[in-house]
């Protein structure tokens, strides 16, 4: 990987990986933006550990975007804690369950460029939900992260009938009923569940402030520990 890099560059890469590896590895909702051929493609990161990254092949409309082996691409890791800039050296093409993935290695120091305005707190909270508008059945799930504007929900249900949900959740001892819209859905191949990015709809300013305060206090307590 580093045969074209001098020792100083290698040390810089290793220091940046040591600094940011934990926060990127822990973000189950980590995304990657790839800047290639004067376009930007967004895709899912399936695996991240130290120098190694495995990501799903991005798609432009109906066409998959292919990368040559040993090519170098500029990427942004989009995490709950910020935006991280680096380059990847493409090392391998992987086909699994008829889905194309690429394996790459960090090829330049990771730089943090910005902090997200809407911080997502990684936390597991049990919840129940119904499908709008009919609400025939109630299903169970849990959060993987939450912000004052939305959440990442994990559930065993394959939701395809609607994008509108009504969610019942206990946050810091207070019960909330929140309507939400599914923005994105993907499979969690590790345990057979489904992951849903949900945007909160018409959340009152008071409830939004309460959730934001809970997130801030929890984050501060984690930092102190």
Protein backbone atom coordinates (compact mmCIF):
# COMPACT_ATOMS: atom_id res chain seq x y z
CA UNK A 1 0.00 0.00 0.00
CA UNK A 2 2.59 2.51 1.06
CA UNK A 3 5.37 1.58 -1.33
CA UNK A 4 5.08 4.94 -3.10
CA UNK A 5 4.97 6.94 0.13
CA UNK A 6 7.89 8.14 2.19
CA UNK A 7 8.20 7.36 5.89
CA UNK A 8 6.99 10.80 6.92
CA UNK A 9 3.78 10.36 4.92
CA UNK A 10 3.24 6.90 6.37
CA UNK A 11 3.59 8.23 9.92
CA UNK A 12 1.10 11.03 9.18
CA UNK A 13 -1.41 8.52 7.86
CA UNK A 14 -0.97 6.24 10.87
CA UNK A 15 -1.39 9.13 13.33
CA UNK A 16 -4.60 10.28 11.66
CA UNK A 17 -5.98 6.74 11.66
CA UNK A 18 -5.18 6.35 15.36
CA UNK A 19 -6.96 9.65 16.04
CA UNK A 20 -10.18 9.00 14.12
CA UNK A 21 -10.41 5.21 13.78
CA UNK A 22 -12.64 4.62 16.81
CA UNK A 23 -15.31 7.19 15.93
CA UNK A 24 -15.51 5.94 12.33
CA UNK A 25 -15.58 2.25 13.26
CA UNK A 26 -18.34 2.81 15.83
CA UNK A 27 -20.64 4.64 13.38
CA UNK A 28 -22.90 1.90 11.98
CA UNK A 29 -24.49 4.50 9.69
CA UNK A 30 -21.17 5.63 8.20
CA UNK A 31 -21.44 6.84 4.61
CA UNK A 32 -18.81 7.70 2.05
CA UNK A 33 -18.85 10.32 -0.69
CA UNK A 34 -16.57 9.55 -3.60
CA UNK A 35 -15.34 12.32 -5.87
CA UNK A 36 -14.68 10.79 -9.25
CA UNK A 37 -14.90 11.94 -12.88
CA UNK A 38 -16.20 15.38 -11.87
CA UNK A 39 -19.11 13.84 -9.97
CA UNK A 40 -19.86 12.96 -6.35
CA UNK A 41 -21.30 9.54 -5.50
CA UNK A 42 -22.62 8.55 -2.06
CA UNK A 43 -22.49 4.96 -0.85
CA UNK A 44 -22.48 2.81 2.31
CA UNK A 45 -19.37 1.77 4.19
CA UNK A 46 -19.70 -1.91 5.01
CA UNK A 47 -16.42 -2.30 6.93
CA UNK A 48 -13.88 0.11 8.38
CA UNK A 49 -10.91 -0.89 10.50
CA UNK A 50 -7.58 0.91 10.62
CA UNK A 51 -6.40 1.22 7.01
CA UNK A 52 -8.93 -1.15 5.45
CA UNK A 53 -12.26 0.04 4.05
CA UNK A 54 -14.93 -2.00 2.26
CA UNK A 55 -17.70 -0.05 0.53
CA UNK A 56 -20.66 -0.84 -1.66
CA UNK A 57 -20.20 0.04 -5.31
CA UNK A 58 -21.99 3.36 -5.93
CA UNK A 59 -24.72 3.58 -8.55
CA UNK A 60 -25.45 6.48 -10.90
CA UNK A 61 -29.11 6.05 -11.74
CA UNK A 62 -29.03 2.47 -13.04
CA UNK A 63 -25.32 2.25 -13.87
CA UNK A 64 -22.74 0.97 -11.40
CA UNK A 65 -19.58 3.03 -11.01
CA UNK A 66 -16.45 0.97 -11.61
CA UNK A 67 -12.96 1.64 -10.30
CA UNK A 68 -9.72 0.24 -11.62
CA UNK A 69 -7.52 -1.76 -9.29
CA UNK A 70 -4.70 0.38 -7.81
CA UNK A 71 -6.55 3.59 -8.67
CA UNK A 72 -6.70 6.36 -6.07
CA UNK A 73 -10.00 8.13 -5.33
CA UNK A 74 -10.78 11.13 -3.13
CA UNK A 75 -13.39 10.33 -0.48
CA UNK A 76 -15.30 11.97 2.38
CA UNK A 77 -16.45 9.84 5.30
CA UNK A 78 -19.75 11.27 6.57
CA UNK A 79 -20.12 10.40 10.25
CA UNK A 80 -22.41 11.53 13.07
CA UNK A 81 -19.49 13.55 14.43
CA UNK A 82 -18.32 15.28 11.27
CA UNK A 83 -16.85 15.06 7.79
CA UNK A 84 -13.51 13.28 7.30
CA UNK A 85 -11.45 13.76 4.13
CA UNK A 86 -8.89 11.30 2.75
CA UNK A 87 -7.90 9.22 -0.28
CA UNK A 88 -8.41 5.52 -0.90
CA UNK A 89 -6.22 3.17 -2.89
CA UNK A 90 -8.55 0.61 -4.52
CA UNK A 91 -7.11 -2.86 -3.88
CA UNK A 92 -9.83 -5.40 -4.66
CA UNK A 93 -13.23 -5.92 -6.25
CA UNK A 94 -15.60 -8.18 -4.28
CA UNK A 95 -18.84 -9.80 -5.46
CA UNK A 96 -21.15 -11.06 -2.69
CA UNK A 97 -24.80 -12.08 -3.08
CA UNK A 98 -24.85 -10.42 -6.53
CA UNK A 99 -23.77 -7.10 -5.00
CA UNK A 100 -20.49 -5.46 -6.01
CA UNK A 101 -18.17 -4.10 -3.31
CA UNK A 102 -14.70 -2.59 -3.34
CA UNK A 103 -11.92 -2.92 -0.83
CA UNK A 104 -9.57 0.02 -0.37
CA UNK A 105 -6.80 1.27 1.90
CA UNK A 106 -6.31 4.72 3.38
CA UNK A 107 -3.71 6.44 1.21
CA UNK A 108 -3.46 9.93 2.75
CA UNK A 109 -3.90 11.41 6.25
CA UNK A 110 -7.51 11.69 7.40
CA UNK A 111 -8.55 15.30 8.02
CA UNK A 112 -11.66 16.39 9.89
CA UNK A 113 -13.26 19.30 8.06
CA UNK A 114 -16.52 20.15 9.80
CA UNK A 115 -18.85 19.29 12.66
CA UNK A 116 -22.41 18.29 11.87
CA UNK A 117 -24.95 20.88 12.99
CA UNK A 118 -27.40 18.09 13.78
CA UNK A 119 -25.45 15.76 16.08
CA UNK A 120 -26.55 12.11 16.04
CA UNK A 121 -26.12 10.35 19.37
CA UNK A 122 -25.25 6.65 19.06
CA UNK A 123 -27.67 5.05 21.54
CA UNK A 124 -30.03 2.07 21.73
CA UNK A 125 -33.58 2.95 22.79
CA UNK A 126 -36.50 0.53 22.52
CA UNK A 127 -39.51 1.73 20.56
CA UNK A 128 -42.74 0.61 18.94
CA UNK A 129 -44.25 1.88 15.72
CA UNK A 130 -47.27 1.60 13.45
CA UNK A 131 -47.58 2.14 9.71
CA UNK A 132 -49.60 5.16 8.65
CA UNK A 133 -52.31 5.83 7.77
CA UNK A 134 -54.10 2.61 8.75
CA UNK A 135 -52.17 1.47 11.86
CA UNK A 136 -53.41 -2.12 11.69
CA UNK A 137 -50.48 -3.62 13.62
CA UNK A 138 -47.82 -2.50 16.06
CA UNK A 139 -44.18 -3.46 15.54
CA UNK A 140 -41.09 -3.24 17.71
CA UNK A 141 -37.66 -1.86 16.99
CA UNK A 142 -34.85 0.19 18.48
CA UNK A 143 -32.74 3.21 17.70
CA UNK A 144 -29.11 2.94 16.70
CA UNK A 145 -28.71 6.70 16.82
CA UNK A 146 -30.96 9.70 17.34
CA UNK A 147 -30.91 13.45 16.77
CA UNK A 148 -33.47 16.19 17.31
CA UNK A 149 -34.49 15.80 13.66
CA UNK A 150 -34.52 12.04 13.14
CA UNK A 151 -33.16 8.61 13.96
CA UNK A 152 -31.65 5.44 12.59
CA UNK A 153 -34.07 2.63 13.44
CA UNK A 154 -33.37 -1.11 13.42
CA UNK A 155 -36.21 -3.62 13.10
CA UNK A 156 -36.88 -7.07 11.71
CA UNK A 157 -39.81 -5.77 9.65
CA UNK A 158 -39.41 -5.15 5.93
CA UNK A 159 -41.41 -1.94 5.55
CA UNK A 160 -42.56 -1.50 1.96
CA UNK A 161 -46.23 -0.48 2.22
CA UNK A 162 -45.60 3.13 3.23
CA UNK A 163 -42.91 5.66 4.13
CA UNK A 164 -44.95 7.18 6.97
CA UNK A 165 -44.66 5.85 10.53
CA UNK A 166 -45.93 6.74 13.99
CA UNK A 167 -43.27 5.99 16.60
CA UNK A 168 -43.72 5.58 20.35
CA UNK A 169 -40.48 5.96 22.29
CA UNK A 170 -39.32 6.68 25.83
CA UNK A 171 -36.50 9.24 25.96
CA UNK A 172 -35.04 10.03 29.35
CA UNK A 173 -38.19 8.93 31.17
CA UNK A 174 -40.63 10.82 28.95
CA UNK A 175 -42.86 9.11 26.40
CA UNK A 176 -43.01 10.64 22.93
CA UNK A 177 -45.30 9.90 20.01
CA UNK A 178 -43.55 11.06 16.86
CA UNK A 179 -44.58 10.89 13.22
CA UNK A 180 -41.76 10.22 10.81
CA UNK A 181 -40.87 9.62 7.17
CA UNK A 182 -38.55 6.88 5.97
CA UNK A 183 -35.81 8.51 3.91
CA UNK A 184 -33.66 5.46 3.31
CA UNK A 185 -33.72 1.71 3.88
CA UNK A 186 -30.98 -0.90 3.81
CA UNK A 187 -30.28 -4.43 4.97
CA UNK A 188 -28.08 -5.17 7.95
CA UNK A 189 -26.45 -8.33 6.62
CA UNK A 190 -24.79 -9.10 9.96
CA UNK A 191 -28.04 -10.00 11.76
CA UNK A 192 -30.85 -10.02 9.19
CA UNK A 193 -32.51 -6.79 10.32
CA UNK A 194 -33.45 -3.69 8.34
CA UNK A 195 -32.09 -0.21 8.98
CA UNK A 196 -34.25 2.86 8.34
CA UNK A 197 -33.16 6.49 8.30
CA UNK A 198 -36.20 8.37 9.58
CA UNK A 199 -36.89 12.11 9.52
CA UNK A 200 -39.18 13.46 12.23
CA UNK A 201 -42.26 15.24 10.87
CA UNK A 202 -43.88 18.25 12.56
CA UNK A 203 -42.08 17.75 15.88
CA UNK A 204 -42.99 20.59 18.22
CA UNK A 205 -40.29 23.07 19.18
CA UNK A 206 -40.64 22.02 22.81
CA UNK A 207 -40.18 18.31 22.10
CA UNK A 208 -37.32 19.05 19.73
CA UNK A 209 -35.58 21.12 22.42
CA UNK A 210 -36.09 18.37 25.02
CA UNK A 211 -34.56 15.74 22.76
CA UNK A 212 -31.69 18.05 21.85
CA UNK A 213 -31.03 18.67 25.57
CA UNK A 214 -31.04 14.92 26.28
CA UNK A 215 -28.55 14.37 23.45
CA UNK A 216 -26.31 17.20 24.65
CA UNK A 217 -26.32 16.02 28.29
CA UNK A 218 -25.66 12.40 27.31
CA UNK A 219 -22.83 13.39 24.99
CA UNK A 220 -21.26 15.57 27.68
CA UNK A 221 -21.46 12.73 30.22
CA UNK A 222 -19.80 10.35 27.76
CA UNK A 223 -16.98 12.82 27.14
CA UNK A 224 -16.36 13.21 30.89
CA UNK A 225 -16.16 9.45 31.31
